[in-house]
Amino acid sequence: METGWIESVNGDPHINLVTAMDAGLTPPRVRILKSNSEIEEVMRDPAWGIVSGMAVEKIVGPEVTYHARYRRGEFSCRTISINDTELLTEGHGPDIGDNATTIFTGMSKPRPGEDVGPIEPCLDRLAELAIKHEGEFEGFISVRVTYQDGIPYYQGLEYGASMKLIDGIITLYDADISTFFNDESRELRMSMIEGYAASLRLYAYPYDTERNRKVCEGIPGLIWDESCGSWIALGRGRTIKDTWREMYASLKPYVVRGVCYRTDGEIKPRRVYSEIMRRQLVTRDLTLCTESIS
């Protein structure tokens, strides 16, 4: 039993990649960079990026993240998120991770002749690995992939979940956080939910934790996220468009106070959702995967 194994997976891109491959995820091409000349060569090539001393091929296509909560041999809260990570509107500014996120229930869609999609067996294996190394495991597992030619290529995985994700999922299920993870709510967590949820980071400019806290104080409905030092707005709606526009309408009266946030949160998720559904890459029929893993 290796205590701290999950921390290693979450914190080390090399261990993360090896774990993803062990779980059956398809990685992009990777090269180990051994010299400055190789690094300079890769930096000049737009088809490659650099991650912790590795050259990683950039996969072009729709990117989504699959989430599921593991407990006592079964998964629940099977959801998919589409995330716009750049700080500023129209994709400008630094990549800050979870920034403008859209969430809905769903799974990867089985290929013709198969009973289960390509991602769910990987989630099963990731749970098995966590139990093998840690002795026990309960919590969320997230797998981020980019689809190219119908193949989901690994882009990242994480054990655990941020408060932004948990708050977004609870908003999607229209549930109470104090009871949502109790045994009594199991049936709800296993169900497909109509509609969508969204979470949006709000901040001051220039970006500063203390300034962020003060500029948004008093705005109703916001949640303070200590992990990123900013406020989170949450929304829920019948369509992606409705979800974002209703949330923006609730924030509009406070723009004059110097609150900053992305104003195009609906653009990317609408495009990506349309593409993954048109290509039949995901399904919202959760009955396709109901068996528990051992």
Protein backbone atom coordinates (compact mmCIF):
# COMPACT_ATOMS: atom_id res chain seq x y z
CA MET A 1 0.00 0.00 0.00
CA GLU A 2 1.44 3.35 -1.09
CA THR A 3 0.01 6.22 0.92
CA GLY A 4 0.44 9.42 -1.02
CA TRP A 5 0.13 7.66 -4.37
CA ILE A 6 -2.86 9.80 -5.38
CA GLU A 7 -0.93 12.96 -4.53
CA SER A 8 1.87 11.74 -6.80
CA VAL A 9 -0.53 11.07 -9.67
CA ASN A 10 -2.18 14.48 -9.29
CA GLY A 11 1.11 16.34 -8.87
CA ASP A 12 3.54 14.70 -11.29
CA PRO A 13 2.75 14.82 -15.05
CA HIS A 14 5.02 11.83 -15.70
CA ILE A 15 3.27 9.60 -13.14
CA ASN A 16 -0.06 10.97 -14.37
CA LEU A 17 0.75 9.86 -17.92
CA VAL A 18 1.91 6.40 -16.85
CA THR A 19 -1.27 5.95 -14.78
CA ALA A 20 -3.44 7.04 -17.72
CA MET A 21 -1.77 4.48 -19.98
CA ASP A 22 -2.20 1.77 -17.31
CA ALA A 23 -5.90 2.65 -17.24
CA GLY A 24 -6.18 2.15 -21.00
CA LEU A 25 -6.35 5.79 -22.09
CA THR A 26 -4.78 6.63 -25.45
CA PRO A 27 -1.96 9.17 -25.01
CA PRO A 28 -0.79 11.66 -27.62
CA ARG A 29 2.73 11.19 -28.93
CA VAL A 30 5.35 12.12 -26.33
CA ARG A 31 9.08 12.81 -26.64
CA ILE A 32 11.56 13.21 -23.80
CA LEU A 33 13.64 16.34 -24.43
CA LYS A 34 17.32 15.80 -23.70
CA SER A 35 18.96 19.03 -24.84
CA ASN A 36 18.35 22.75 -25.25
CA SER A 37 18.45 22.36 -29.02
CA GLU A 38 15.60 19.84 -28.86
CA ILE A 39 13.60 22.19 -26.63
CA GLU A 40 14.15 25.07 -29.07
CA GLU A 41 13.11 22.86 -31.98
CA VAL A 42 9.86 21.90 -30.27
CA MET A 43 9.12 25.51 -29.28
CA ARG A 44 9.24 26.46 -32.96
CA ASP A 45 6.80 23.71 -33.95
CA PRO A 46 3.12 24.69 -33.37
CA ALA A 47 2.12 21.01 -33.50
CA TRP A 48 3.89 20.31 -30.19
CA GLY A 49 3.84 21.66 -26.66
CA ILE A 50 6.16 21.22 -23.68
CA VAL A 51 5.01 19.75 -20.35
CA SER A 52 7.54 19.11 -17.56
CA GLY A 53 10.42 18.40 -19.91
CA MET A 54 8.30 16.34 -22.29
CA ALA A 55 7.30 17.29 -25.82
CA VAL A 56 3.60 16.45 -26.17
CA GLU A 57 1.82 16.41 -29.51
CA LYS A 58 -1.14 18.81 -29.63
CA ILE A 59 -4.39 17.02 -30.46
CA VAL A 60 -6.87 19.15 -32.38
CA GLY A 61 -10.55 18.54 -31.74
CA PRO A 62 -13.35 18.96 -29.18
CA GLU A 63 -12.14 18.67 -25.58
CA VAL A 64 -14.32 17.45 -22.72
CA THR A 65 -13.77 16.14 -19.20
CA TYR A 66 -15.57 13.07 -17.87
CA HIS A 67 -16.33 13.03 -14.14
CA ALA A 68 -17.67 10.27 -11.90
CA ARG A 69 -17.82 9.73 -8.14
CA TYR A 70 -16.67 6.34 -6.88
CA ARG A 71 -17.97 4.82 -3.65
CA ARG A 72 -18.35 1.23 -2.47
CA GLY A 73 -17.84 -0.40 -5.86
CA GLU A 74 -20.02 1.86 -7.97
CA PHE A 75 -19.94 5.17 -9.79
CA SER A 76 -22.47 7.98 -9.60
CA CYS A 77 -22.63 11.63 -10.68
CA ARG A 78 -21.59 10.69 -14.21
CA THR A 79 -21.13 14.11 -15.71
CA ILE A 80 -19.25 15.84 -18.52
CA SER A 81 -17.81 19.34 -18.41
CA ILE A 82 -16.69 21.73 -21.13
CA ASN A 83 -14.25 24.31 -19.82
CA ASP A 84 -13.08 27.64 -21.20
CA THR A 85 -9.81 28.06 -19.35
CA GLU A 86 -8.48 31.42 -20.58
CA LEU A 87 -9.02 34.32 -18.20
CA LEU A 88 -10.35 36.89 -20.67
CA THR A 89 -13.21 37.04 -23.16
CA GLU A 90 -12.54 35.62 -26.65
CA GLY A 91 -9.83 33.34 -25.32
CA HIS A 92 -7.29 35.99 -24.39
CA GLY A 93 -5.10 36.06 -21.29
CA PRO A 94 -3.48 33.25 -19.28
CA ASP A 95 -4.84 29.74 -18.86
CA ILE A 96 -6.19 29.61 -15.29
CA GLY A 97 -7.85 26.18 -15.32
CA ASP A 98 -11.51 26.09 -14.29
CA ASN A 99 -12.82 29.48 -15.40
CA ALA A 100 -16.05 29.28 -17.39
CA THR A 101 -17.40 25.73 -17.11
CA THR A 102 -20.54 24.04 -18.44
CA ILE A 103 -21.67 20.74 -16.86
CA PHE A 104 -24.24 18.12 -17.87
CA THR A 105 -24.89 14.44 -17.17
CA GLY A 106 -23.44 12.04 -19.70
CA MET A 107 -20.96 9.30 -20.63
CA SER A 108 -18.84 8.30 -23.59
CA LYS A 109 -20.93 6.58 -26.25
CA PRO A 110 -20.30 2.92 -27.11
CA ARG A 111 -18.90 2.23 -30.56
CA PRO A 112 -20.98 0.04 -32.90
CA GLY A 113 -21.02 -3.54 -31.60
CA GLU A 114 -19.77 -2.58 -28.12
CA ASP A 115 -21.73 -2.40 -24.86
CA VAL A 116 -19.84 0.42 -23.15
CA GLY A 117 -18.03 3.57 -24.23
CA PRO A 118 -14.22 3.91 -24.24
CA ILE A 119 -13.95 6.08 -21.11
CA GLU A 120 -15.96 4.12 -18.54
CA PRO A 121 -13.61 1.07 -18.41
CA CYS A 122 -10.75 3.54 -17.85
CA LEU A 123 -12.61 5.04 -14.88
CA ASP A 124 -13.13 1.52 -13.51
CA ARG A 125 -9.41 0.83 -13.82
CA LEU A 126 -8.47 4.15 -12.21
CA ALA A 127 -10.63 3.27 -9.20
CA GLU A 128 -8.97 -0.15 -9.02
CA LEU A 129 -5.52 1.43 -9.13
CA ALA A 130 -6.39 3.86 -6.34
CA ILE A 131 -7.63 1.03 -4.12
CA LYS A 132 -4.57 -1.06 -4.96
CA HIS A 133 -2.11 1.67 -4.01
CA GLU A 134 -4.00 3.45 -1.22
CA GLY A 135 -5.90 0.55 0.34
CA GLU A 136 -9.23 2.34 -0.07
CA PHE A 137 -10.68 5.13 -2.16
CA GLU A 138 -13.83 7.22 -2.26
CA GLY A 139 -14.31 10.35 -4.34
CA PHE A 140 -14.37 11.86 -7.79
CA ILE A 141 -12.22 10.82 -10.73
CA SER A 142 -11.90 13.13 -13.74
CA VAL A 143 -10.51 12.27 -17.17
CA ARG A 144 -9.91 15.03 -19.73
CA VAL A 145 -9.71 14.01 -23.39
CA THR A 146 -9.57 15.57 -26.82
CA TYR A 147 -11.34 13.75 -29.64
CA GLN A 148 -9.57 13.37 -32.98
CA ASP A 149 -10.99 11.07 -35.67
CA GLY A 150 -13.37 9.68 -33.06
CA ILE A 151 -10.55 8.64 -30.71
CA PRO A 152 -10.45 10.17 -27.19
CA TYR A 153 -6.82 11.15 -26.53
CA TYR A 154 -5.73 11.58 -22.92
CA GLN A 155 -5.05 15.18 -21.88
CA GLY A 156 -5.13 14.82 -18.10
CA LEU A 157 -6.64 12.97 -15.16
CA GLU A 158 -7.28 13.86 -11.55
CA TYR A 159 -8.37 12.11 -8.38
CA GLY A 160 -10.64 14.36 -6.33
CA ALA A 161 -12.67 17.40 -7.33
CA SER A 162 -12.45 21.16 -6.91
CA MET A 163 -15.16 23.01 -5.04
CA LYS A 164 -16.10 24.68 -8.34
CA LEU A 165 -16.85 21.29 -9.87
CA ILE A 166 -18.74 19.99 -6.82
CA ASP A 167 -20.79 23.18 -6.56
CA GLY A 168 -21.53 22.98 -10.29
CA ILE A 169 -22.65 19.34 -10.06
CA ILE A 170 -24.87 20.04 -7.04
CA THR A 171 -26.38 23.00 -8.93
CA LEU A 172 -27.03 20.71 -11.91
CA TYR A 173 -28.85 18.19 -9.70
CA ASP A 174 -30.67 21.05 -7.93
CA ALA A 175 -29.72 19.45 -4.62
CA ASP A 176 -28.70 20.41 -1.09
CA ILE A 177 -24.98 19.91 -0.45
CA SER A 178 -25.66 18.76 3.12
CA THR A 179 -27.63 15.73 1.89
CA PHE A 180 -26.49 15.17 -1.71
CA PHE A 181 -23.77 12.63 -0.86
CA ASN A 182 -25.86 10.69 1.69
CA ASP A 183 -27.09 7.17 0.94
CA GLU A 184 -30.64 8.53 0.71
CA SER A 185 -29.66 10.55 -2.38
CA ARG A 186 -28.08 7.61 -4.24
CA GLU A 187 -30.95 7.28 -6.74
CA LEU A 188 -30.70 10.97 -7.59
CA ARG A 189 -26.93 10.76 -8.10
CA MET A 190 -27.39 7.78 -10.44
CA SER A 191 -29.99 9.53 -12.61
CA MET A 192 -29.79 11.52 -15.82
CA ILE A 193 -30.62 15.18 -15.26
CA GLU A 194 -32.22 17.32 -17.93
CA GLY A 195 -30.59 20.66 -18.53
CA TYR A 196 -27.20 22.15 -17.76
CA ALA A 197 -25.24 23.94 -15.06
CA ALA A 198 -22.51 26.54 -15.34
CA SER A 199 -19.86 27.99 -13.06
CA LEU A 200 -18.01 31.24 -13.69
CA ARG A 201 -15.03 32.83 -11.95
CA LEU A 202 -15.42 36.50 -10.90
CA TYR A 203 -12.46 38.68 -10.03
CA ALA A 204 -11.08 42.20 -9.85
CA TYR A 205 -8.54 43.69 -12.22
CA PRO A 206 -5.62 43.44 -11.72
CA TYR A 207 -6.18 39.90 -10.43
CA ASP A 208 -5.45 39.85 -6.69
CA THR A 209 -6.98 37.66 -3.97
CA GLU A 210 -7.77 40.43 -1.48
CA ARG A 211 -9.03 42.76 -4.19
CA ASN A 212 -11.14 39.91 -5.59
CA ARG A 213 -12.74 39.32 -2.19
CA LYS A 214 -13.67 42.96 -1.65
CA VAL A 215 -14.96 43.82 -5.12
CA CYS A 216 -17.59 41.06 -5.10
CA GLU A 217 -18.73 41.27 -1.47
CA GLY A 218 -22.48 41.65 -1.24
CA ILE A 219 -23.30 40.17 -4.66
CA PRO A 220 -26.04 37.61 -3.93
CA GLY A 221 -25.59 33.93 -4.77
CA LEU A 222 -21.79 33.86 -5.09
CA ILE A 223 -19.52 31.28 -3.44
CA TRP A 224 -16.00 32.13 -2.31
CA ASP A 225 -13.41 29.62 -3.54
CA GLU A 226 -10.34 29.73 -1.33
CA SER A 227 -8.35 27.48 -3.70
CA CYS A 228 -8.27 30.11 -6.44
CA GLY A 229 -8.90 33.24 -4.38
CA SER A 230 -11.99 34.33 -6.30
CA TRP A 231 -15.77 34.19 -6.30
CA ILE A 232 -17.81 31.66 -8.26
CA ALA A 233 -21.20 32.34 -9.83
CA LEU A 234 -23.46 29.35 -10.54
CA GLY A 235 -26.34 28.92 -12.96
CA ARG A 236 -28.75 26.26 -14.14
CA GLY A 237 -30.99 26.17 -17.21
CA ARG A 238 -32.87 24.18 -19.81
CA THR A 239 -30.30 24.81 -22.56
CA ILE A 240 -26.67 25.91 -22.57
CA LYS A 241 -27.73 29.27 -23.99
CA ASP A 242 -30.43 29.79 -21.35
CA THR A 243 -28.08 28.75 -18.54
CA TRP A 244 -25.42 31.31 -19.37
CA ARG A 245 -27.71 34.17 -20.37
CA GLU A 246 -29.79 33.91 -17.20
CA MET A 247 -26.65 33.87 -15.07
CA TYR A 248 -25.25 36.89 -16.91
CA ALA A 249 -28.55 38.72 -16.44
CA SER A 250 -28.28 38.20 -12.67
CA LEU A 251 -24.74 39.66 -12.66
CA LYS A 252 -25.41 42.64 -14.92
CA PRO A 253 -26.40 45.10 -12.15
CA TYR A 254 -22.97 44.68 -10.52
CA VAL A 255 -20.70 45.24 -13.52
CA VAL A 256 -20.32 48.92 -12.64
CA ARG A 257 -18.62 47.93 -9.39
CA GLY A 258 -15.57 46.74 -11.30
CA VAL A 259 -16.35 43.03 -11.28
CA CYS A 260 -14.62 41.19 -14.13
CA TYR A 261 -15.55 37.89 -15.78
CA ARG A 262 -15.77 36.26 -19.18
CA THR A 263 -18.80 37.45 -21.08
CA ASP A 264 -18.81 34.71 -23.74
CA GLY A 265 -19.22 31.63 -21.54
CA GLU A 266 -21.88 30.08 -23.78
CA ILE A 267 -19.90 30.21 -27.06
CA LYS A 268 -17.41 27.35 -26.66
CA PRO A 269 -19.72 24.86 -24.88
CA ARG A 270 -22.46 25.31 -27.47
CA ARG A 271 -19.97 24.64 -30.28
CA VAL A 272 -18.29 21.69 -28.54
CA TYR A 273 -21.59 20.15 -27.41
CA SER A 274 -23.00 20.38 -30.93
CA GLU A 275 -19.89 18.70 -32.33
CA ILE A 276 -19.68 15.82 -29.86
CA MET A 277 -23.39 15.05 -30.24
CA ARG A 278 -23.25 15.28 -34.04
CA ARG A 279 -20.29 12.88 -34.09
CA GLN A 280 -22.06 10.61 -31.56
CA LEU A 281 -19.10 10.69 -29.17
CA VAL A 282 -21.14 11.01 -25.97
CA THR A 283 -24.50 9.81 -24.72
CA ARG A 284 -26.82 11.12 -22.04
CA ASP A 285 -28.37 7.69 -21.51
CA LEU A 286 -26.87 6.64 -18.17
CA THR A 287 -28.65 3.27 -18.26
CA LEU A 288 -25.87 2.05 -20.56
CA CYS A 289 -23.54 1.73 -17.57
CA THR A 290 -25.21 0.51 -14.38
CA GLU A 291 -23.00 -2.35 -13.21
CA SER A 292 -20.75 -1.96 -10.18
CA ILE A 293 -17.05 -2.81 -10.41
CA SER A 294 -15.58 -5.28 -7.98
